[in-house]
Amino acid sequence: MKIMLKNAHNMDPIYDSHEADNGWIHIGKEAKTHTRLYTHNTESEMDVRLELDVGSQEQVFYLDKVELIRN
């Protein structure tokens, strides 16, 4: 899986976990906690889109206890 944050107006990428971490986040059958920290160092964008790309196959996964924190 990879996480992407995009500008909702023009779909330009703001953050791509695949590029930032040099690879995919590996999701398995067992429950596991994944933490991704992102520091925004460019001009603020108020209308963004959060995307989760799980690869080429249709898959179901559950998100539990998700925290989006803005400082």
Protein backbone atom coordinates (compact mmCIF):
# COMPACT_ATOMS: atom_id res chain seq x y z
CA MET A 1 0.00 0.00 0.00
CA LYS A 2 1.09 3.56 -0.49
CA ILE A 3 -0.35 6.76 0.91
CA MET A 4 -0.68 9.85 -1.23
CA LEU A 5 -1.73 13.38 -0.38
CA LYS A 6 -2.74 15.43 -3.42
CA ASN A 7 -3.91 18.93 -4.19
CA ALA A 8 -7.65 18.41 -4.81
CA HIS A 9 -7.83 21.13 -7.48
CA ASN A 10 -5.13 19.95 -9.88
CA MET A 11 -4.25 16.51 -8.37
CA ASP A 12 -0.56 17.47 -8.03
CA PRO A 13 1.13 15.20 -5.48
CA ILE A 14 2.03 16.77 -2.15
CA TYR A 15 3.21 13.57 -0.41
CA ASP A 16 3.82 10.04 -1.66
CA SER A 17 4.86 7.43 0.92
CA HIS A 18 6.36 5.23 -1.82
CA GLU A 19 8.79 7.98 -2.77
CA ALA A 20 9.41 9.13 0.82
CA ASP A 21 10.08 5.61 2.17
CA ASN A 22 11.54 4.05 -1.01
CA GLY A 23 8.89 1.35 -1.27
CA TRP A 24 5.46 0.01 -0.47
CA ILE A 25 3.97 -0.36 3.01
CA HIS A 26 3.53 -4.12 3.40
CA ILE A 27 0.09 -5.12 4.72
CA GLY A 28 -0.40 -8.69 5.92
CA LYS A 29 -3.20 -10.81 7.36
CA GLU A 30 -2.26 -10.08 10.98
CA ALA A 31 -3.17 -6.78 12.62
CA LYS A 32 -0.23 -4.41 12.79
CA THR A 33 0.21 -0.74 13.63
CA HIS A 34 1.75 1.46 10.95
CA THR A 35 2.79 5.03 11.67
CA ARG A 36 3.56 7.59 9.00
CA LEU A 37 4.75 11.07 9.93
CA TYR A 38 4.72 13.84 7.39
CA THR A 39 6.06 17.38 7.81
CA HIS A 40 4.69 19.89 5.35
CA ASN A 41 7.43 22.25 4.18
CA THR A 42 5.70 24.08 1.35
CA GLU A 43 2.86 26.57 1.01
CA SER A 44 -0.32 25.44 2.80
CA GLU A 45 -3.10 23.90 0.73
CA MET A 46 -6.56 23.78 2.32
CA ASP A 47 -8.27 21.42 -0.15
CA VAL A 48 -6.44 18.10 -0.32
CA ARG A 49 -7.23 14.50 -1.19
CA LEU A 50 -5.90 11.51 0.79
CA GLU A 51 -5.49 8.35 -1.30
CA LEU A 52 -4.62 4.80 -0.28
CA ASP A 53 -3.29 2.72 -3.17
CA VAL A 54 -3.42 -1.01 -2.43
CA GLY A 55 -1.95 -2.20 -5.73
CA SER A 56 -3.39 -3.78 -8.84
CA GLN A 57 -5.93 -6.17 -7.26
CA GLU A 58 -9.20 -5.25 -5.63
CA GLN A 59 -8.75 -5.71 -1.91
CA VAL A 60 -10.58 -4.99 1.31
CA PHE A 61 -8.75 -3.70 4.33
CA TYR A 62 -9.93 -2.13 7.55
CA LEU A 63 -8.61 1.04 9.12
CA ASP A 64 -8.97 1.27 12.87
CA LYS A 65 -7.94 4.04 15.26
CA VAL A 66 -6.82 6.43 12.54
CA GLU A 67 -5.47 9.74 13.77
CA LEU A 68 -4.97 12.74 11.50
CA ILE A 69 -3.27 15.46 13.51
CA ARG A 70 -2.64 18.96 12.27
CA ASN A 71 -0.37 21.22 14.30
